[in-house]
Amino acid sequence: MSKNIFEAPRPASFPPLFTGEAVSGATDPFAKACTKAMIGCDAGLLVHSITPDRISAAIVFAPEKPLEAAMSAMIACGIGFQNAMGALAPPEVAVHLGWQGQIYVNGGISGRLRAAASDTDAGATPDWLVIGLEIDLLPKSDGETGDTPNQTALMMEGCGDISPIRLVESWSRHTLVWINEIETGNPAKLHEQWRGLAKDMGKDVSLQFKGENLSGSFVGVDEQFGMLLRNGKDTRLLPLSGCLETGETS
């Protein structure tokens, strides 16, 4: 077992425009980032925590666009994580992204992206948007591997030599590249990159969305990354803002 998983976190080094804040113990970086954003912090705050079994991090954004367009930051963060893994993980490790924020490593779910905003009105510009990242380093269950066949962890996929803090740093750098693509008005590259990483596009899917159990063929996304779900002759648009967490963060 690699010692890197259990190393004491060192101070992280983030790119310009990002300010790191390490938290420990039971503090959830996502909830902490949301609280900081509510109080009024600068955009670019990156709250992070590394434990023996998990990486957790969250970035505060200050959108200048209506919420539905601003949600592309969640896509940028997902691609940023895949790019970071591509730079640090063994070449045989494959990362794919679920539309609702799931992160798949070699086909198994190993983490997720989360999102919360000051306003859930898709047409309003929110004061803040927080995107969170959670990645399992070690399996969640103490049972047999077969008990949770769809779940995995970086340690189980040959990534034990990756330093968790280096992964967070790399995630921030690659995410910044994609955020810059959004801000310079070039979303085509983001769409092209995401389509190559999207899990189950073109396949039949089942999902829970805003309290509904839905199923159909995932035929693609619109210009703002809303899911196009076809059921028979009908195609329904599921806005990405529907993936926002509401109420108390946990």
Protein backbone atom coordinates (compact mmCIF):
# COMPACT_ATOMS: atom_id res chain seq x y z
CA MET A 1 0.00 0.00 0.00
CA SER A 2 1.38 3.37 -1.02
CA LYS A 3 2.33 5.70 1.78
CA ASN A 4 1.09 8.67 -0.25
CA ILE A 5 -2.51 7.98 0.69
CA PHE A 6 -1.66 8.45 4.34
CA GLU A 7 0.85 11.27 4.11
CA ALA A 8 0.24 14.39 6.19
CA PRO A 9 -1.21 17.05 3.86
CA ARG A 10 1.37 19.69 2.96
CA PRO A 11 0.44 23.29 2.16
CA ALA A 12 -1.04 23.38 -1.30
CA SER A 13 0.14 25.63 -4.11
CA PHE A 14 -2.65 26.97 -6.30
CA PRO A 15 -2.59 29.02 -9.50
CA PRO A 16 -3.29 32.77 -9.59
CA LEU A 17 -6.90 33.73 -8.80
CA PHE A 18 -7.25 30.77 -6.40
CA THR A 19 -6.83 31.03 -2.65
CA GLY A 20 -6.53 27.79 -0.72
CA GLU A 21 -8.01 27.12 2.71
CA ALA A 22 -7.37 23.76 4.33
CA VAL A 23 -9.90 22.39 6.83
CA SER A 24 -9.69 19.31 8.99
CA GLY A 25 -11.74 17.07 11.21
CA ALA A 26 -15.43 16.78 10.46
CA THR A 27 -15.56 20.06 8.52
CA ASP A 28 -17.07 19.57 5.06
CA PRO A 29 -15.25 21.79 2.53
CA PHE A 30 -18.39 22.11 0.40
CA ALA A 31 -20.51 23.35 3.30
CA LYS A 32 -17.66 25.60 4.45
CA ALA A 33 -17.32 27.13 0.98
CA CYS A 34 -21.07 27.74 0.80
CA THR A 35 -21.02 29.45 4.19
CA LYS A 36 -18.06 31.61 3.18
CA ALA A 37 -19.81 32.54 -0.05
CA MET A 38 -23.00 33.51 1.80
CA ILE A 39 -21.03 35.75 4.14
CA GLY A 40 -19.16 37.28 1.23
CA CYS A 41 -15.76 35.95 0.20
CA ASP A 42 -13.72 36.50 -2.92
CA ALA A 43 -14.23 34.27 -5.91
CA GLY A 44 -11.52 31.67 -6.28
CA LEU A 45 -11.59 30.46 -2.69
CA LEU A 46 -10.73 26.75 -2.74
CA VAL A 47 -11.54 24.95 0.50
CA HIS A 48 -10.01 21.49 0.76
CA SER A 49 -9.60 18.54 3.09
CA ILE A 50 -7.57 15.35 2.78
CA THR A 51 -8.26 12.37 5.01
CA PRO A 52 -6.85 8.85 4.72
CA ASP A 53 -9.89 7.76 2.70
CA ARG A 54 -11.09 10.84 0.81
CA ILE A 55 -10.26 14.05 -0.99
CA SER A 56 -12.86 16.79 -0.60
CA ALA A 57 -12.61 20.24 -2.13
CA ALA A 58 -14.86 23.10 -3.22
CA ILE A 59 -14.39 26.26 -5.29
CA VAL A 60 -16.35 29.49 -4.93
CA PHE A 61 -17.31 31.24 -8.17
CA ALA A 62 -18.87 34.68 -8.73
CA PRO A 63 -20.87 34.23 -11.94
CA GLU A 64 -21.49 37.09 -14.32
CA LYS A 65 -24.09 35.15 -16.30
CA PRO A 66 -27.56 33.75 -15.47
CA LEU A 67 -27.47 30.55 -13.48
CA GLU A 68 -28.15 28.15 -16.36
CA ALA A 69 -25.16 29.47 -18.28
CA ALA A 70 -23.05 29.67 -15.12
CA MET A 71 -23.59 25.96 -14.47
CA SER A 72 -20.99 25.26 -17.16
CA ALA A 73 -18.49 25.76 -14.30
CA MET A 74 -19.56 22.31 -13.08
CA ILE A 75 -18.63 20.88 -16.47
CA ALA A 76 -15.30 22.72 -16.39
CA CYS A 77 -14.53 21.28 -12.95
CA GLY A 78 -15.30 17.77 -14.16
CA ILE A 79 -13.09 18.08 -17.21
CA GLY A 80 -10.42 19.67 -15.03
CA PHE A 81 -10.44 16.61 -12.79
CA GLN A 82 -10.16 14.24 -15.75
CA ASN A 83 -7.25 16.26 -17.11
CA ALA A 84 -5.55 16.21 -13.69
CA MET A 85 -5.90 12.44 -13.50
CA GLY A 86 -4.57 12.18 -17.03
CA ALA A 87 -1.45 14.03 -15.93
CA LEU A 88 -0.87 12.07 -12.71
CA ALA A 89 -2.46 8.62 -13.02
CA PRO A 90 -1.09 5.60 -14.91
CA PRO A 91 -2.01 5.72 -18.61
CA GLU A 92 -4.40 2.78 -18.35
CA VAL A 93 -6.67 4.64 -15.90
CA ALA A 94 -9.81 5.95 -17.61
CA VAL A 95 -11.99 8.72 -16.16
CA HIS A 96 -15.52 9.47 -17.34
CA LEU A 97 -18.12 11.95 -16.16
CA GLY A 98 -21.78 11.41 -15.37
CA TRP A 99 -24.23 14.16 -16.30
CA GLN A 100 -25.35 14.58 -12.68
CA GLY A 101 -21.79 14.92 -11.43
CA GLN A 102 -20.74 11.31 -10.95
CA ILE A 103 -17.04 10.61 -11.49
CA TYR A 104 -16.18 7.19 -12.87
CA VAL A 105 -12.70 5.67 -12.73
CA ASN A 106 -12.29 2.56 -14.89
CA GLY A 107 -16.07 2.25 -15.03
CA GLY A 108 -16.76 2.42 -11.27
CA ILE A 109 -18.07 5.41 -9.36
CA SER A 110 -15.25 6.84 -7.26
CA GLY A 111 -16.60 10.29 -6.48
CA ARG A 112 -18.84 13.13 -7.49
CA LEU A 113 -19.18 16.82 -8.22
CA ARG A 114 -21.67 18.90 -6.24
CA ALA A 115 -23.15 22.32 -6.91
CA ALA A 116 -24.97 24.96 -4.87
CA ALA A 117 -25.85 28.57 -5.63
CA SER A 118 -27.32 31.62 -3.95
CA ASP A 119 -30.34 31.48 -6.28
CA THR A 120 -32.03 28.57 -8.04
CA ASP A 121 -33.79 30.75 -10.62
CA ALA A 122 -32.21 29.62 -13.89
CA GLY A 123 -32.66 33.05 -15.45
CA ALA A 124 -31.19 35.04 -12.57
CA THR A 125 -27.49 35.75 -12.05
CA PRO A 126 -26.53 34.24 -8.69
CA ASP A 127 -24.30 36.09 -6.25
CA TRP A 128 -22.22 32.93 -5.88
CA LEU A 129 -21.87 29.39 -7.15
CA VAL A 130 -19.96 26.64 -5.37
CA ILE A 131 -18.73 23.50 -7.11
CA GLY A 132 -17.54 20.69 -4.86
CA LEU A 133 -15.37 17.66 -5.60
CA GLU A 134 -15.32 14.42 -3.58
CA ILE A 135 -13.06 11.51 -4.49
CA ASP A 136 -12.69 8.26 -2.59
CA LEU A 137 -9.10 7.19 -2.00
CA LEU A 138 -10.09 3.99 -0.19
CA PRO A 139 -13.30 1.94 -0.51
CA LYS A 140 -16.28 3.17 1.49
CA SER A 141 -17.39 -0.30 2.57
CA ASP A 142 -15.55 -2.70 4.84
CA GLY A 143 -17.33 -5.59 3.16
CA GLU A 144 -16.34 -7.66 0.18
CA THR A 145 -15.64 -5.87 -3.09
CA GLY A 146 -18.64 -7.62 -4.65
CA ASP A 147 -20.98 -5.92 -2.16
CA THR A 148 -20.70 -2.64 -4.10
CA PRO A 149 -19.76 -3.63 -7.66
CA ASN A 150 -20.42 -0.15 -9.08
CA GLN A 151 -18.19 1.60 -6.53
CA THR A 152 -14.44 1.95 -6.62
CA ALA A 153 -11.65 4.11 -5.19
CA LEU A 154 -8.36 5.45 -6.49
CA MET A 155 -6.38 2.96 -4.40
CA MET A 156 -8.24 0.08 -6.06
CA GLU A 157 -7.48 1.39 -9.55
CA GLY A 158 -3.71 1.57 -9.38
CA CYS A 159 -3.56 5.23 -8.31
CA GLY A 160 -1.99 4.71 -4.89
CA ASP A 161 1.15 6.61 -5.87
CA ILE A 162 -0.73 9.82 -6.60
CA SER A 163 -0.22 12.43 -3.89
CA PRO A 164 -3.71 13.65 -2.90
CA ILE A 165 -2.58 17.24 -2.46
CA ARG A 166 -0.87 17.19 -5.86
CA LEU A 167 -4.15 15.97 -7.36
CA VAL A 168 -6.05 18.89 -5.81
CA GLU A 169 -3.43 21.31 -7.11
CA SER A 170 -3.57 19.81 -10.59
CA TRP A 171 -7.39 19.90 -10.54
CA SER A 172 -7.32 23.62 -9.79
CA ARG A 173 -4.86 24.35 -12.59
CA HIS A 174 -6.72 22.38 -15.23
CA THR A 175 -10.08 23.74 -14.10
CA LEU A 176 -8.77 27.29 -14.45
CA VAL A 177 -7.85 26.57 -18.07
CA TRP A 178 -11.44 25.55 -18.85
CA ILE A 179 -12.96 28.42 -16.89
CA ASN A 180 -10.86 30.74 -19.04
CA GLU A 181 -12.27 29.06 -22.15
CA ILE A 182 -15.78 29.83 -20.90
CA GLU A 183 -14.96 33.44 -20.04
CA THR A 184 -13.35 34.08 -23.41
CA GLY A 185 -16.53 32.97 -25.15
CA ASN A 186 -15.27 29.71 -26.61
CA PRO A 187 -17.67 27.04 -25.28
CA ALA A 188 -17.21 24.79 -28.33
CA LYS A 189 -13.98 23.34 -26.92
CA LEU A 190 -15.71 22.62 -23.61
CA HIS A 191 -18.54 20.79 -25.41
CA GLU A 192 -16.13 18.80 -27.54
CA GLN A 193 -14.03 17.74 -24.56
CA TRP A 194 -17.05 16.84 -22.43
CA ARG A 195 -18.75 14.77 -25.12
CA GLY A 196 -15.66 12.57 -25.26
CA LEU A 197 -15.86 11.96 -21.50
CA ALA A 198 -19.63 11.73 -20.97
CA LYS A 199 -20.82 8.45 -19.48
CA ASP A 200 -23.74 6.71 -21.19
CA MET A 201 -24.38 9.32 -23.89
CA GLY A 202 -26.28 7.57 -26.67
CA LYS A 203 -27.50 4.85 -24.29
CA ASP A 204 -30.66 4.15 -22.31
CA VAL A 205 -30.42 5.61 -18.81
CA SER A 206 -32.45 5.81 -15.62
CA LEU A 207 -32.06 8.69 -13.21
CA GLN A 208 -33.72 10.58 -10.41
CA PHE A 209 -34.15 14.24 -11.27
CA LYS A 210 -35.84 16.76 -8.97
CA GLY A 211 -37.84 14.03 -7.25
CA GLU A 212 -38.84 12.22 -10.45
CA ASN A 213 -37.72 8.80 -11.58
CA LEU A 214 -36.97 9.17 -15.28
CA SER A 215 -35.76 6.87 -18.01
CA GLY A 216 -35.06 7.13 -21.70
CA SER A 217 -32.29 7.50 -24.21
CA PHE A 218 -29.59 10.06 -23.38
CA VAL A 219 -29.28 11.53 -26.87
CA GLY A 220 -27.08 14.52 -26.05
CA VAL A 221 -27.01 17.94 -24.43
CA ASP A 222 -28.09 21.43 -25.46
CA GLU A 223 -25.81 24.46 -25.62
CA GLN A 224 -26.00 24.88 -21.83
CA PHE A 225 -25.35 21.19 -21.12
CA GLY A 226 -28.97 20.34 -20.36
CA MET A 227 -29.68 16.64 -20.89
CA LEU A 228 -31.81 15.68 -23.88
CA LEU A 229 -33.74 12.60 -22.76
CA ARG A 230 -35.76 10.84 -25.44
CA ASN A 231 -38.66 8.58 -24.57
CA GLY A 232 -40.43 7.28 -27.63
CA LYS A 233 -41.23 10.25 -29.85
CA ASP A 234 -40.86 12.77 -27.06
CA THR A 235 -37.59 14.47 -26.09
CA ARG A 236 -37.39 16.24 -22.75
CA LEU A 237 -34.80 18.84 -21.77
CA LEU A 238 -33.44 18.47 -18.23
CA PRO A 239 -31.60 21.68 -17.26
CA LEU A 240 -28.22 21.23 -15.58
CA SER A 241 -29.34 23.67 -12.87
CA GLY A 242 -31.69 20.90 -11.74
CA CYS A 243 -28.61 19.19 -10.28
CA LEU A 244 -28.13 22.00 -7.74
CA GLU A 245 -28.35 21.05 -4.10
CA THR A 246 -30.97 22.96 -2.19
CA GLY A 247 -31.54 23.49 1.52
CA GLU A 248 -28.86 22.50 4.02
CA THR A 249 -25.65 21.17 2.53
CA SER A 250 -24.37 17.90 3.89
